[in-house]
Amino acid sequence: MADTLPDVVLPAKTPVDLYAATGITVGAKVNVENITSSDVRVHVGSVAPTMGVSGASLLLPGQSGENTQGDSGLWAWSVTGGAVQVVEVV
């Protein structure tokens, strides 16, 4: 089992680089779980997404998802603020 990293806090309307926030190597496959009661959006890309632009995946409260190995970056945000748990998939 992988070591548990601290939760990544998502300030309202602020994209957070999940690789930088966790110290996980860029491109690693990860599982992202929404651990709050707010909706969270997740975007794959090397630069921060523009708020309001489509193309992000939605994680409802309690829902999780995995990215693809080799992604150039991974960002998450919540309109009202929230938090996610990120674990590297090995």
PDB file of N, CA and C in Angstrom:
ATOM      1  N   MET A   1       0.843  -1.175   0.000  1.00  0.00           N
ATOM      2  CA  MET A   1       0.000   0.000   0.000  1.00  0.00           C
ATOM      3  C   MET A   1       0.890   1.240   0.000  1.00  0.00           C
ATOM      4  N   ALA A   2       0.498   2.239  -0.768  1.00  0.00           N
ATOM      5  CA  ALA A   2       1.270   3.472  -0.861  1.00  0.00           C
ATOM      6  C   ALA A   2       1.123   4.284   0.419  1.00  0.00           C
ATOM      7  N   ASP A   3       2.159   5.074   0.729  1.00  0.00           N
ATOM      8  CA  ASP A   3       2.077   5.976   1.868  1.00  0.00           C
ATOM      9  C   ASP A   3       1.011   7.023   1.586  1.00  0.00           C
ATOM     10  N   THR A   4       0.280   7.405   2.620  1.00  0.00           N
ATOM     11  CA  THR A   4      -0.747   8.427   2.464  1.00  0.00           C
ATOM     12  C   THR A   4      -0.104   9.804   2.553  1.00  0.00           C
ATOM     13  N   LEU A   5      -0.375  10.626   1.541  1.00  0.00           N
ATOM     14  CA  LEU A   5       0.108  11.996   1.533  1.00  0.00           C
ATOM     15  C   LEU A   5      -0.933  12.894   2.191  1.00  0.00           C
ATOM     16  N   PRO A   6      -0.519  14.089   2.656  1.00  0.00           N
ATOM     17  CA  PRO A   6      -1.512  15.019   3.205  1.00  0.00           C
ATOM     18  C   PRO A   6      -2.542  15.397   2.131  1.00  0.00           C
ATOM     19  N   ASP A   7      -3.739  15.729   2.570  1.00  0.00           N
ATOM     20  CA  ASP A   7      -4.770  16.189   1.642  1.00  0.00           C
ATOM     21  C   ASP A   7      -4.282  17.442   0.922  1.00  0.00           C
ATOM     22  N   VAL A   8      -4.704  17.606  -0.324  1.00  0.00           N
ATOM     23  CA  VAL A   8      -4.385  18.815  -1.087  1.00  0.00           C
ATOM     24  C   VAL A   8      -5.596  19.729  -0.987  1.00  0.00           C
ATOM     25  N   VAL A   9      -5.410  20.877  -0.359  1.00  0.00           N
ATOM     26  CA  VAL A   9      -6.477  21.854  -0.185  1.00  0.00           C
ATOM     27  C   VAL A   9      -6.620  22.665  -1.468  1.00  0.00           C
ATOM     28  N   LEU A  10      -7.861  22.858  -1.885  1.00  0.00           N
ATOM     29  CA  LEU A  10      -8.161  23.607  -3.106  1.00  0.00           C
ATOM     30  C   LEU A  10      -8.864  24.907  -2.727  1.00  0.00           C
ATOM     31  N   PRO A  11      -8.139  26.037  -2.711  1.00  0.00           N
ATOM     32  CA  PRO A  11      -8.797  27.313  -2.446  1.00  0.00           C
ATOM     33  C   PRO A  11      -9.850  27.594  -3.529  1.00  0.00           C
ATOM     34  N   ALA A  12     -10.892  28.297  -3.192  1.00  0.00           N
ATOM     35  CA  ALA A  12     -11.967  28.585  -4.142  1.00  0.00           C
ATOM     36  C   ALA A  12     -11.442  29.217  -5.423  1.00  0.00           C
ATOM     37  N   LYS A  13     -11.874  28.675  -6.554  1.00  0.00           N
ATOM     38  CA  LYS A  13     -11.583  29.206  -7.892  1.00  0.00           C
ATOM     39  C   LYS A  13     -10.096  29.344  -8.193  1.00  0.00           C
ATOM     40  N   THR A  14      -9.268  28.450  -7.620  1.00  0.00           N
ATOM     41  CA  THR A  14      -7.820  28.516  -7.814  1.00  0.00           C
ATOM     42  C   THR A  14      -7.289  27.153  -8.235  1.00  0.00           C
ATOM     43  N   PRO A  15      -6.864  26.993  -9.499  1.00  0.00           N
ATOM     44  CA  PRO A  15      -6.297  25.707  -9.916  1.00  0.00           C
ATOM     45  C   PRO A  15      -5.024  25.388  -9.119  1.00  0.00           C
ATOM     46  N   VAL A  16      -4.899  24.148  -8.683  1.00  0.00           N
ATOM     47  CA  VAL A  16      -3.734  23.689  -7.917  1.00  0.00           C
ATOM     48  C   VAL A  16      -3.048  22.576  -8.704  1.00  0.00           C
ATOM     49  N   ASP A  17      -1.738  22.704  -8.884  1.00  0.00           N
ATOM     50  CA  ASP A  17      -0.925  21.690  -9.565  1.00  0.00           C
ATOM     51  C   ASP A  17      -0.763  20.509  -8.603  1.00  0.00           C
ATOM     52  N   LEU A  18      -1.416  19.401  -8.909  1.00  0.00           N
ATOM     53  CA  LEU A  18      -1.409  18.263  -7.990  1.00  0.00           C
ATOM     54  C   LEU A  18      -0.041  17.600  -7.886  1.00  0.00           C
ATOM     55  N   TYR A  19       0.734  17.587  -8.960  1.00  0.00           N
ATOM     56  CA  TYR A  19       2.080  17.010  -8.882  1.00  0.00           C
ATOM     57  C   TYR A  19       2.969  17.863  -7.968  1.00  0.00           C
ATOM     58  N   ALA A  20       2.926  19.168  -8.135  1.00  0.00           N
ATOM     59  CA  ALA A  20       3.749  20.052  -7.294  1.00  0.00           C
ATOM     60  C   ALA A  20       3.303  19.999  -5.837  1.00  0.00           C
ATOM     61  N   ALA A  21       2.001  19.938  -5.608  1.00  0.00           N
ATOM     62  CA  ALA A  21       1.467  19.943  -4.238  1.00  0.00           C
ATOM     63  C   ALA A  21       1.792  18.666  -3.474  1.00  0.00           C
ATOM     64  N   THR A  22       1.978  17.556  -4.205  1.00  0.00           N
ATOM     65  CA  THR A  22       2.209  16.274  -3.539  1.00  0.00           C
ATOM     66  C   THR A  22       3.658  15.803  -3.612  1.00  0.00           C
ATOM     67  N   GLY A  23       4.433  16.358  -4.541  1.00  0.00           N
ATOM     68  CA  GLY A  23       5.795  15.884  -4.728  1.00  0.00           C
ATOM     69  C   GLY A  23       5.883  14.621  -5.569  1.00  0.00           C
ATOM     70  N   ILE A  24       4.761  14.202  -6.120  1.00  0.00           N
ATOM     71  CA  ILE A  24       4.745  13.033  -7.010  1.00  0.00           C
ATOM     72  C   ILE A  24       5.334  13.455  -8.354  1.00  0.00           C
ATOM     73  N   THR A  25       6.140  12.593  -8.953  1.00  0.00           N
ATOM     74  CA  THR A  25       6.792  12.886 -10.227  1.00  0.00           C
ATOM     75  C   THR A  25       5.771  13.140 -11.327  1.00  0.00           C
ATOM     76  N   VAL A  26       5.966  14.236 -12.076  1.00  0.00           N
ATOM     77  CA  VAL A  26       5.083  14.565 -13.197  1.00  0.00           C
ATOM     78  C   VAL A  26       5.048  13.387 -14.162  1.00  0.00           C
ATOM     79  N   GLY A  27       3.855  13.018 -14.564  1.00  0.00           N
ATOM     80  CA  GLY A  27       3.673  11.906 -15.486  1.00  0.00           C
ATOM     81  C   GLY A  27       3.294  10.599 -14.816  1.00  0.00           C
ATOM     82  N   ALA A  28       3.446  10.546 -13.498  1.00  0.00           N
ATOM     83  CA  ALA A  28       3.058   9.328 -12.785  1.00  0.00           C
ATOM     84  C   ALA A  28       1.536   9.176 -12.808  1.00  0.00           C
ATOM     85  N   LYS A  29       1.076   7.948 -12.833  1.00  0.00           N
ATOM     86  CA  LYS A  29      -0.357   7.675 -12.756  1.00  0.00           C
ATOM     87  C   LYS A  29      -0.789   7.834 -11.307  1.00  0.00           C
ATOM     88  N   VAL A  30      -1.861   8.591 -11.094  1.00  0.00           N
ATOM     89  CA  VAL A  30      -2.349   8.827  -9.741  1.00  0.00           C
ATOM     90  C   VAL A  30      -3.858   8.613  -9.656  1.00  0.00           C
ATOM     91  N   ASN A  31      -4.314   8.381  -8.443  1.00  0.00           N
ATOM     92  CA  ASN A  31      -5.737   8.324  -8.133  1.00  0.00           C
ATOM     93  C   ASN A  31      -6.058   9.588  -7.348  1.00  0.00           C
ATOM     94  N   VAL A  32      -7.083  10.316  -7.784  1.00  0.00           N
ATOM     95  CA  VAL A  32      -7.507  11.549  -7.124  1.00  0.00           C
ATOM     96  C   VAL A  32      -8.908  11.328  -6.568  1.00  0.00           C
ATOM     97  N   GLU A  33      -9.080  11.536  -5.269  1.00  0.00           N
ATOM     98  CA  GLU A  33     -10.384  11.369  -4.637  1.00  0.00           C
ATOM     99  C   GLU A  33     -10.866  12.695  -4.065  1.00  0.00           C
ATOM    100  N   ASN A  34     -12.091  13.069  -4.402  1.00  0.00           N
ATOM    101  CA  ASN A  34     -12.713  14.261  -3.840  1.00  0.00           C
ATOM    102  C   ASN A  34     -13.189  13.917  -2.431  1.00  0.00           C
ATOM    103  N   ILE A  35     -12.595  14.542  -1.425  1.00  0.00           N
ATOM    104  CA  ILE A  35     -12.913  14.207  -0.030  1.00  0.00           C
ATOM    105  C   ILE A  35     -13.789  15.262   0.649  1.00  0.00           C
ATOM    106  N   THR A  36     -14.370  16.162  -0.138  1.00  0.00           N
ATOM    107  CA  THR A  36     -15.215  17.211   0.431  1.00  0.00           C
ATOM    108  C   THR A  36     -16.629  17.128  -0.131  1.00  0.00           C
ATOM    109  N   SER A  37     -17.488  18.018   0.336  1.00  0.00           N
ATOM    110  CA  SER A  37     -18.877  18.046  -0.132  1.00  0.00           C
ATOM    111  C   SER A  37     -19.067  18.940  -1.360  1.00  0.00           C
ATOM    112  N   SER A  38     -17.990  19.498  -1.894  1.00  0.00           N
ATOM    113  CA  SER A  38     -18.058  20.345  -3.089  1.00  0.00           C
ATOM    114  C   SER A  38     -17.635  19.555  -4.315  1.00  0.00           C
ATOM    115  N   ASP A  39     -18.122  19.974  -5.471  1.00  0.00           N
ATOM    116  CA  ASP A  39     -17.652  19.393  -6.726  1.00  0.00           C
ATOM    117  C   ASP A  39     -16.222  19.845  -6.995  1.00  0.00           C
ATOM    118  N   VAL A  40     -15.417  18.960  -7.581  1.00  0.00           N
ATOM    119  CA  VAL A  40     -14.026  19.263  -7.932  1.00  0.00           C
ATOM    120  C   VAL A  40     -13.838  18.966  -9.416  1.00  0.00           C
ATOM    121  N   ARG A  41     -13.122  19.817 -10.089  1.00  0.00           N
ATOM    122  CA  ARG A  41     -12.769  19.604 -11.493  1.00  0.00           C
ATOM    123  C   ARG A  41     -11.292  19.246 -11.572  1.00  0.00           C
ATOM    124  N   VAL A  42     -10.969  18.312 -12.491  1.00  0.00           N
ATOM    125  CA  VAL A  42      -9.592  17.874 -12.683  1.00  0.00           C
ATOM    126  C   VAL A  42      -9.246  18.056 -14.160  1.00  0.00           C
ATOM    127  N   HIS A  43      -8.090  18.654 -14.419  1.00  0.00           N
ATOM    128  CA  HIS A  43      -7.651  18.969 -15.781  1.00  0.00           C
ATOM    129  C   HIS A  43      -6.255  18.409 -16.017  1.00  0.00           C
ATOM    130  N   VAL A  44      -6.064  17.765 -17.162  1.00  0.00           N
ATOM    131  CA  VAL A  44      -4.746  17.261 -17.558  1.00  0.00           C
ATOM    132  C   VAL A  44      -4.112  18.282 -18.490  1.00  0.00           C
ATOM    133  N   GLY A  45      -2.897  18.728 -18.156  1.00  0.00           N
ATOM    134  CA  GLY A  45      -2.178  19.676 -18.995  1.00  0.00           C
ATOM    135  C   GLY A  45      -0.975  20.229 -18.267  1.00  0.00           C
ATOM    136  N   SER A  46      -0.029  20.744 -19.030  1.00  0.00           N
ATOM    137  CA  SER A  46       1.213  21.235 -18.429  1.00  0.00           C
ATOM    138  C   SER A  46       1.070  22.622 -17.807  1.00  0.00           C
ATOM    139  N   VAL A  47       0.029  23.360 -18.172  1.00  0.00           N
ATOM    140  CA  VAL A  47      -0.194  24.700 -17.605  1.00  0.00           C
ATOM    141  C   VAL A  47      -1.571  24.751 -16.951  1.00  0.00           C
ATOM    142  N   ALA A  48      -1.720  25.685 -16.037  1.00  0.00           N
ATOM    143  CA  ALA A  48      -2.986  25.832 -15.318  1.00  0.00           C
ATOM    144  C   ALA A  48      -4.128  26.093 -16.301  1.00  0.00           C
ATOM    145  N   PRO A  49      -5.266  25.469 -16.067  1.00  0.00           N
ATOM    146  CA  PRO A  49      -6.410  25.681 -16.950  1.00  0.00           C
ATOM    147  C   PRO A  49      -7.018  27.066 -16.761  1.00  0.00           C
ATOM    148  N   THR A  50      -7.720  27.526 -17.771  1.00  0.00           N
ATOM    149  CA  THR A  50      -8.474  28.765 -17.684  1.00  0.00           C
ATOM    150  C   THR A  50      -9.831  28.441 -17.074  1.00  0.00           C
ATOM    151  N   MET A  51     -10.175  29.130 -16.024  1.00  0.00           N
ATOM    152  CA  MET A  51     -11.451  28.874 -15.358  1.00  0.00           C
ATOM    153  C   MET A  51     -12.603  29.092 -16.334  1.00  0.00           C
ATOM    154  N   GLY A  52     -13.588  28.213 -16.289  1.00  0.00           N
ATOM    155  CA  GLY A  52     -14.754  28.329 -17.138  1.00  0.00           C
ATOM    156  C   GLY A  52     -14.615  27.670 -18.495  1.00  0.00           C
ATOM    157  N   VAL A  53     -13.439  27.155 -18.816  1.00  0.00           N
ATOM    158  CA  VAL A  53     -13.224  26.480 -20.086  1.00  0.00           C
ATOM    159  C   VAL A  53     -13.481  24.992 -19.891  1.00  0.00           C
ATOM    160  N   SER A  54     -14.193  24.395 -20.829  1.00  0.00           N
ATOM    161  CA  SER A  54     -14.519  22.980 -20.692  1.00  0.00           C
ATOM    162  C   SER A  54     -13.284  22.116 -20.937  1.00  0.00           C
ATOM    163  N   GLY A  55     -13.423  20.834 -20.723  1.00  0.00           N
ATOM    164  CA  GLY A  55     -12.322  19.904 -20.932  1.00  0.00           C
ATOM    165  C   GLY A  55     -11.824  19.280 -19.649  1.00  0.00           C
ATOM    166  N   ALA A  56     -12.409  19.685 -18.529  1.00  0.00           N
ATOM    167  CA  ALA A  56     -12.012  19.106 -17.245  1.00  0.00           C
ATOM    168  C   ALA A  56     -13.001  18.012 -16.854  1.00  0.00           C
ATOM    169  N   SER A  57     -12.509  17.056 -16.110  1.00  0.00           N
ATOM    170  CA  SER A  57     -13.362  15.987 -15.589  1.00  0.00           C
ATOM    171  C   SER A  57     -13.954  16.418 -14.255  1.00  0.00           C
ATOM    172  N   LEU A  58     -15.174  16.022 -14.003  1.00  0.00           N
ATOM    173  CA  LEU A  58     -15.870  16.363 -12.764  1.00  0.00           C
ATOM    174  C   LEU A  58     -15.777  15.207 -11.779  1.00  0.00           C
ATOM    175  N   LEU A  59     -15.374  15.527 -10.545  1.00  0.00           N
ATOM    176  CA  LEU A  59     -15.410  14.551  -9.450  1.00  0.00           C
ATOM    177  C   LEU A  59     -16.443  15.043  -8.441  1.00  0.00           C
ATOM    178  N   LEU A  60     -17.518  14.290  -8.299  1.00  0.00           N
ATOM    179  CA  LEU A  60     -18.532  14.617  -7.309  1.00  0.00           C
ATOM    180  C   LEU A  60     -18.013  14.244  -5.920  1.00  0.00           C
ATOM    181  N   PRO A  61     -18.631  14.748  -4.855  1.00  0.00           N
ATOM    182  CA  PRO A  61     -18.187  14.395  -3.507  1.00  0.00           C
ATOM    183  C   PRO A  61     -18.078  12.880  -3.324  1.00  0.00           C
ATOM    184  N   GLY A  62     -16.945  12.428  -2.813  1.00  0.00           N
ATOM    185  CA  GLY A  62     -16.702  11.013  -2.573  1.00  0.00           C
ATOM    186  C   GLY A  62     -16.240  10.226  -3.785  1.00  0.00           C
ATOM    187  N   GLN A  63     -16.241  10.836  -4.942  1.00  0.00           N
ATOM    188  CA  GLN A  63     -15.864  10.153  -6.175  1.00  0.00           C
ATOM    189  C   GLN A  63     -14.352  10.253  -6.399  1.00  0.00           C
ATOM    190  N   SER A  64     -13.798   9.251  -7.089  1.00  0.00           N
ATOM    191  CA  SER A  64     -12.369   9.280  -7.414  1.00  0.00           C
ATOM    192  C   SER A  64     -12.176   8.921  -8.877  1.00  0.00           C
ATOM    193  N   GLY A  65     -10.976   9.209  -9.365  1.00  0.00           N
ATOM    194  CA  GLY A  65     -10.638   8.881 -10.739  1.00  0.00           C
ATOM    195  C   GLY A  65      -9.134   8.793 -10.890  1.00  0.00           C
ATOM    196  N   GLU A  66      -8.703   8.159 -11.972  1.00  0.00           N
ATOM    197  CA  GLU A  66      -7.268   8.009 -12.261  1.00  0.00           C
ATOM    198  C   GLU A  66      -6.943   8.674 -13.589  1.00  0.00           C
ATOM    199  N   ASN A  67      -5.736   9.206 -13.660  1.00  0.00           N
ATOM    200  CA  ASN A  67      -5.261   9.778 -14.914  1.00  0.00           C
ATOM    201  C   ASN A  67      -4.516   8.706 -15.704  1.00  0.00           C
ATOM    202  N   THR A  68      -3.882   9.116 -16.791  1.00  0.00           N
ATOM    203  CA  THR A  68      -3.125   8.212 -17.645  1.00  0.00           C
ATOM    204  C   THR A  68      -1.631   8.402 -17.387  1.00  0.00           C
ATOM    205  N   GLN A  69      -0.891   7.313 -17.306  1.00  0.00           N
ATOM    206  CA  GLN A  69       0.563   7.380 -17.154  1.00  0.00           C
ATOM    207  C   GLN A  69       1.140   8.263 -18.257  1.00  0.00           C
ATOM    208  N   GLY A  70       2.040   9.185 -17.912  1.00  0.00           N
ATOM    209  CA  GLY A  70       2.697  10.038 -18.893  1.00  0.00           C
ATOM    210  C   GLY A  70       2.034  11.380 -19.121  1.00  0.00           C
ATOM    211  N   ASP A  71       0.954  11.684 -18.395  1.00  0.00           N
ATOM    212  CA  ASP A  71       0.310  12.989 -18.556  1.00  0.00           C
ATOM    213  C   ASP A  71       1.297  14.111 -18.227  1.00  0.00           C
ATOM    214  N   SER A  72       1.178  15.223 -18.943  1.00  0.00           N
ATOM    215  CA  SER A  72       2.128  16.335 -18.806  1.00  0.00           C
ATOM    216  C   SER A  72       1.890  17.195 -17.578  1.00  0.00           C
ATOM    217  N   GLY A  73       0.785  17.026 -16.916  1.00  0.00           N
ATOM    218  CA  GLY A  73       0.461  17.792 -15.725  1.00  0.00           C
ATOM    219  C   GLY A  73      -0.935  17.424 -15.262  1.00  0.00           C
ATOM    220  N   LEU A  74      -1.268  17.774 -14.022  1.00  0.00           N
ATOM    221  CA  LEU A  74      -2.575  17.445 -13.469  1.00  0.00           C
ATOM    222  C   LEU A  74      -2.973  18.542 -12.488  1.00  0.00           C
ATOM    223  N   TRP A  75      -4.114  19.154 -12.737  1.00  0.00           N
ATOM    224  CA  TRP A  75      -4.597  20.286 -11.957  1.00  0.00           C
ATOM    225  C   TRP A  75      -5.989  19.989 -11.400  1.00  0.00           C
ATOM    226  N   ALA A  76      -6.302  20.557 -10.247  1.00  0.00           N
ATOM    227  CA  ALA A  76      -7.637  20.420  -9.668  1.00  0.00           C
ATOM    228  C   ALA A  76      -8.073  21.764  -9.106  1.00  0.00           C
ATOM    229  N   TRP A  77      -9.394  21.998  -9.137  1.00  0.00           N
ATOM    230  CA  TRP A  77      -9.949  23.200  -8.536  1.00  0.00           C
ATOM    231  C   TRP A  77     -11.409  22.975  -8.184  1.00  0.00           C
ATOM    232  N   SER A  78     -11.901  23.865  -7.342  1.00  0.00           N
ATOM    233  CA  SER A  78     -13.301  23.831  -6.938  1.00  0.00           C
ATOM    234  C   SER A  78     -13.796  25.269  -6.892  1.00  0.00           C
ATOM    235  N   VAL A  79     -14.990  25.501  -7.367  1.00  0.00           N
ATOM    236  CA  VAL A  79     -15.541  26.855  -7.370  1.00  0.00           C
ATOM    237  C   VAL A  79     -15.688  27.366  -5.938  1.00  0.00           C
ATOM    238  N   THR A  80     -16.107  26.509  -5.027  1.00  0.00           N
ATOM    239  CA  THR A  80     -16.346  26.934  -3.644  1.00  0.00           C
ATOM    240  C   THR A  80     -15.216  26.573  -2.685  1.00  0.00           C
ATOM    241  N   GLY A  81     -14.188  25.886  -3.180  1.00  0.00           N
ATOM    242  CA  GLY A  81     -13.103  25.397  -2.329  1.00  0.00           C
ATOM    243  C   GLY A  81     -13.351  23.940  -1.977  1.00  0.00           C
ATOM    244  N   GLY A  82     -12.301  23.218  -1.716  1.00  0.00           N
ATOM    245  CA  GLY A  82     -12.440  21.799  -1.391  1.00  0.00           C
ATOM    246  C   GLY A  82     -11.103  21.183  -1.075  1.00  0.00           C
ATOM    247  N   ALA A  83     -11.030  19.864  -1.195  1.00  0.00           N
ATOM    248  CA  ALA A  83      -9.781  19.148  -0.955  1.00  0.00           C
ATOM    249  C   ALA A  83      -9.843  17.801  -1.654  1.00  0.00           C
ATOM    250  N   VAL A  84      -8.679  17.307  -2.024  1.00  0.00           N
ATOM    251  CA  VAL A  84      -8.575  15.980  -2.655  1.00  0.00           C
ATOM    252  C   VAL A  84      -7.455  15.197  -1.979  1.00  0.00           C
ATOM    253  N   GLN A  85      -7.578  13.884  -2.065  1.00  0.00           N
ATOM    254  CA  GLN A  85      -6.512  12.974  -1.637  1.00  0.00           C
ATOM    255  C   GLN A  85      -5.899  12.429  -2.930  1.00  0.00           C
ATOM    256  N   VAL A  86      -4.589  12.506  -3.046  1.00  0.00           N
ATOM    257  CA  VAL A  86      -3.879  12.050  -4.249  1.00  0.00           C
ATOM    258  C   VAL A  86      -2.910  10.957  -3.856  1.00  0.00           C
ATOM    259  N   VAL A  87      -3.003   9.805  -4.550  1.00  0.00           N
ATOM    260  CA  VAL A  87      -2.138   8.664  -4.267  1.00  0.00           C
ATOM    261  C   VAL A  87      -1.569   8.151  -5.588  1.00  0.00           C
ATOM    262  N   GLU A  88      -0.259   7.930  -5.624  1.00  0.00           N
ATOM    263  CA  GLU A  88       0.357   7.375  -6.812  1.00  0.00           C
ATOM    264  C   GLU A  88      -0.070   5.916  -6.990  1.00  0.00           C
ATOM    265  N   VAL A  89      -0.420   5.550  -8.213  1.00  0.00           N
ATOM    266  CA  VAL A  89      -0.818   4.187  -8.535  1.00  0.00           C
ATOM    267  C   VAL A  89       0.425   3.434  -8.967  1.00  0.00           C
ATOM    268  N   VAL A  90       0.784   2.395  -8.215  1.00  0.00           N
ATOM    269  CA  VAL A  90       1.998   1.618  -8.535  1.00  0.00           C
ATOM    270  C   VAL A  90       1.657   0.213  -8.933  1.00  0.00           C
TER     271      VAL A  90
END
